[in-house]
Amino acid sequence: MESPFRPDVLKGKAALVTGGGSGICFEIAAQLARHGAQVAIMGRRREVLDKAVAALRSQGLRAVGFDGDVRKQEDAARVLAATVEHFGKLDILVNGAAGNFLASPEDLTPKGFRTVLEIDTVGTYTMCYEALKYLKKGGPGKGPSTGGLIINISATLHYTATWYQIHVSAAKVLIASQDH
């Protein structure tokens, strides 16, 4: 399907996509780049990032990968600083990193539940917290009248009961509540 947007609608913009090495967030990163943005992707597995960056670059898209865990404030700060150093600024943060696996309530351990909550909710908040200094009006790489954009990716699992997904449902409702 051809995009309804101009190919250069994001020309000159710099974006960071967490979880951008695979799945939906890889396609988000690809679409941002196809529309002119320079794109950094963040993920925990270097080999996944390298493969994703190679795939984007093979299409002539501008992309770089930085490994890090969104749950760790030092990783968030390091990756955001590296993105800004690489591109000279940050205009868009897409929080897409997520944890998910199928588990019945009786088989879902507290550690598994906590891990998904930490990746999805604490990770989203931590990335926003660390990105604000770069995205706010007048921040590094920004003029006094320009700012940036944060997009938090969620799901609709929390609107209805979803089998084997109580941990993800809990996390996604918290992400949705951060968007206000």
Protein backbone atom coordinates (compact mmCIF):
# COMPACT_ATOMS: atom_id res chain seq x y z
CA MET A 1 0.00 0.00 0.00
CA GLU A 2 1.31 3.40 -0.93
CA SER A 3 1.63 5.92 1.87
CA PRO A 4 -0.82 8.84 1.89
CA PHE A 5 1.95 11.07 3.27
CA ARG A 6 4.58 13.00 1.33
CA PRO A 7 7.84 11.02 1.18
CA ASP A 8 9.68 13.95 2.79
CA VAL A 9 7.14 14.82 5.50
CA LEU A 10 9.74 13.99 8.20
CA LYS A 11 12.79 15.32 6.37
CA GLY A 12 15.31 16.70 8.82
CA LYS A 13 13.71 14.98 11.82
CA ALA A 14 15.58 12.59 14.12
CA ALA A 15 13.68 9.76 15.80
CA LEU A 16 14.45 7.08 18.39
CA VAL A 17 12.28 3.95 18.44
CA THR A 18 12.59 1.62 21.42
CA GLY A 19 12.00 -2.01 20.55
CA GLY A 20 12.70 -1.03 16.94
CA GLY A 21 14.71 -4.11 16.13
CA SER A 22 11.71 -6.29 15.43
CA GLY A 23 7.97 -6.56 14.97
CA ILE A 24 5.66 -3.59 14.89
CA CYS A 25 8.34 -1.19 16.08
CA PHE A 26 10.71 -2.22 13.28
CA GLU A 27 7.99 -1.25 10.81
CA ILE A 28 7.40 2.03 12.67
CA ALA A 29 11.13 2.79 12.37
CA ALA A 30 11.05 1.86 8.68
CA GLN A 31 8.06 4.10 7.99
CA LEU A 32 9.62 7.03 9.84
CA ALA A 33 12.78 6.59 7.74
CA ARG A 34 10.82 6.15 4.48
CA HIS A 35 9.25 9.51 5.17
CA GLY A 36 12.58 11.27 5.62
CA ALA A 37 13.52 10.86 9.29
CA GLN A 38 16.91 9.73 10.51
CA VAL A 39 16.13 6.79 12.79
CA ALA A 40 17.85 5.25 15.79
CA ILE A 41 16.52 1.98 17.15
CA MET A 42 17.08 0.72 20.68
CA GLY A 43 16.91 -2.83 21.97
CA ARG A 44 18.53 -5.27 24.37
CA ARG A 45 19.95 -7.70 21.81
CA ARG A 46 22.84 -6.43 19.69
CA GLU A 47 22.45 -9.13 17.02
CA VAL A 48 18.78 -8.19 16.50
CA LEU A 49 19.69 -4.50 16.24
CA ASP A 50 22.48 -5.16 13.77
CA LYS A 51 20.18 -7.22 11.56
CA ALA A 52 17.44 -4.55 11.71
CA VAL A 53 19.84 -1.69 10.92
CA ALA A 54 21.28 -3.68 8.00
CA ALA A 55 17.76 -4.31 6.67
CA LEU A 56 16.88 -0.60 6.88
CA ARG A 57 20.15 0.50 5.29
CA SER A 58 19.72 -2.04 2.48
CA GLN A 59 16.60 -0.07 1.54
CA GLY A 60 18.59 3.17 1.47
CA LEU A 61 17.20 4.33 4.81
CA ARG A 62 19.21 6.24 7.42
CA ALA A 63 19.37 4.14 10.57
CA VAL A 64 21.62 3.36 13.52
CA GLY A 65 21.17 0.95 16.44
CA PHE A 66 21.98 1.39 20.12
CA ASP A 67 21.75 -1.45 22.60
CA GLY A 68 20.20 -0.82 25.99
CA ASP A 69 17.46 -1.82 28.40
CA VAL A 70 14.64 0.72 28.78
CA ARG A 71 14.22 -0.34 32.41
CA LYS A 72 17.67 1.01 33.29
CA GLN A 73 17.93 4.77 33.66
CA GLU A 74 21.64 4.74 32.80
CA ASP A 75 20.89 2.88 29.54
CA ALA A 76 18.08 5.28 28.68
CA ALA A 77 20.31 8.30 29.31
CA ARG A 78 23.22 6.78 27.35
CA VAL A 79 21.12 5.83 24.31
CA LEU A 80 19.37 9.20 24.17
CA ALA A 81 22.70 11.02 24.45
CA ALA A 82 24.18 8.79 21.72
CA THR A 83 21.19 9.46 19.47
CA VAL A 84 21.53 13.21 19.91
CA GLU A 85 25.30 13.02 19.42
CA HIS A 86 24.81 10.99 16.23
CA PHE A 87 22.01 13.10 14.70
CA GLY A 88 22.62 16.45 16.43
CA LYS A 89 19.12 16.47 17.92
CA LEU A 90 16.06 14.42 18.80
CA ASP A 91 12.60 15.26 17.49
CA ILE A 92 10.59 12.08 18.04
CA LEU A 93 10.66 9.37 20.71
CA VAL A 94 8.58 6.25 20.06
CA ASN A 95 8.25 4.06 23.14
CA GLY A 96 7.50 0.64 21.71
CA ALA A 97 9.68 -1.71 23.75
CA ALA A 98 7.47 -4.30 25.41
CA GLY A 99 7.56 -7.62 27.17
CA ASN A 100 5.06 -10.32 26.34
CA PHE A 101 4.58 -14.04 26.62
CA LEU A 102 1.54 -16.24 27.07
CA ALA A 103 0.90 -17.52 30.60
CA SER A 104 -2.13 -18.73 32.50
CA PRO A 105 -2.67 -16.89 35.80
CA GLU A 106 -1.62 -19.92 37.84
CA ASP A 107 1.60 -20.28 35.84
CA LEU A 108 2.50 -16.58 35.73
CA THR A 109 5.14 -15.96 38.37
CA PRO A 110 5.38 -12.66 40.22
CA LYS A 111 8.81 -12.21 38.58
CA GLY A 112 7.30 -12.64 35.10
CA PHE A 113 4.47 -10.25 35.93
CA ARG A 114 6.92 -7.69 37.33
CA THR A 115 9.27 -7.98 34.33
CA VAL A 116 6.51 -7.12 31.85
CA LEU A 117 5.34 -4.19 34.01
CA GLU A 118 8.89 -2.89 34.29
CA ILE A 119 9.63 -3.07 30.57
CA ASP A 120 6.30 -1.65 29.44
CA THR A 121 5.56 0.95 32.10
CA VAL A 122 8.77 1.80 33.93
CA GLY A 123 10.65 1.63 30.63
CA THR A 124 8.19 3.97 28.93
CA TYR A 125 8.36 6.45 31.80
CA THR A 126 12.16 6.25 32.08
CA MET A 127 12.62 6.94 28.37
CA CYS A 128 10.20 9.89 28.54
CA TYR A 129 11.94 11.27 31.61
CA GLU A 130 15.38 11.10 30.02
CA ALA A 131 14.16 12.37 26.61
CA LEU A 132 12.40 15.49 27.84
CA LYS A 133 15.61 17.54 28.09
CA TYR A 134 16.14 16.89 24.37
CA LEU A 135 12.52 17.22 23.26
CA LYS A 136 11.38 20.32 25.14
CA LYS A 137 11.30 23.75 23.56
CA GLY A 138 14.73 25.30 23.73
CA GLY A 139 16.37 21.98 24.68
CA PRO A 140 19.59 20.79 23.06
CA GLY A 141 19.09 21.00 19.30
CA LYS A 142 15.78 22.88 19.68
CA GLY A 143 14.89 26.50 19.09
CA PRO A 144 12.91 28.57 21.58
CA SER A 145 9.67 27.84 19.72
CA THR A 146 10.20 24.21 18.69
CA GLY A 147 9.83 21.04 20.66
CA GLY A 148 9.52 17.33 20.07
CA LEU A 149 7.02 14.53 20.11
CA ILE A 150 6.59 11.40 22.24
CA ILE A 151 4.51 8.47 21.00
CA ASN A 152 3.76 5.69 23.49
CA ILE A 153 2.72 2.42 21.86
CA SER A 154 0.11 0.45 23.74
CA ALA A 155 -2.56 -2.13 22.91
CA THR A 156 -6.24 -2.69 23.57
CA LEU A 157 -5.78 -5.80 25.74
CA HIS A 158 -6.95 -3.95 28.83
CA TYR A 159 -10.37 -3.10 27.37
CA THR A 160 -11.59 -6.69 27.40
CA ALA A 161 -10.46 -9.91 29.01
CA THR A 162 -7.60 -11.45 27.03
CA TRP A 163 -6.64 -15.05 27.69
CA TYR A 164 -3.14 -15.60 29.10
CA GLN A 165 -2.36 -11.88 29.04
CA ILE A 166 -3.18 -10.45 32.49
CA HIS A 167 0.37 -9.13 32.90
CA VAL A 168 0.32 -7.39 29.53
CA SER A 169 -3.18 -6.02 30.15
CA ALA A 170 -2.02 -4.48 33.44
CA ALA A 171 1.03 -2.95 31.75
CA LYS A 172 -0.88 -1.53 28.79
CA VAL A 173 -3.48 0.22 30.94
CA LEU A 174 -0.64 1.97 32.75
CA ILE A 175 0.91 3.07 29.45
CA ALA A 176 -2.45 4.44 28.30
CA SER A 177 -2.72 6.43 31.54
CA GLN A 178 0.72 8.03 30.89
CA ASP A 179 -0.55 9.53 27.64
CA HIS A 180 -2.52 12.27 29.34
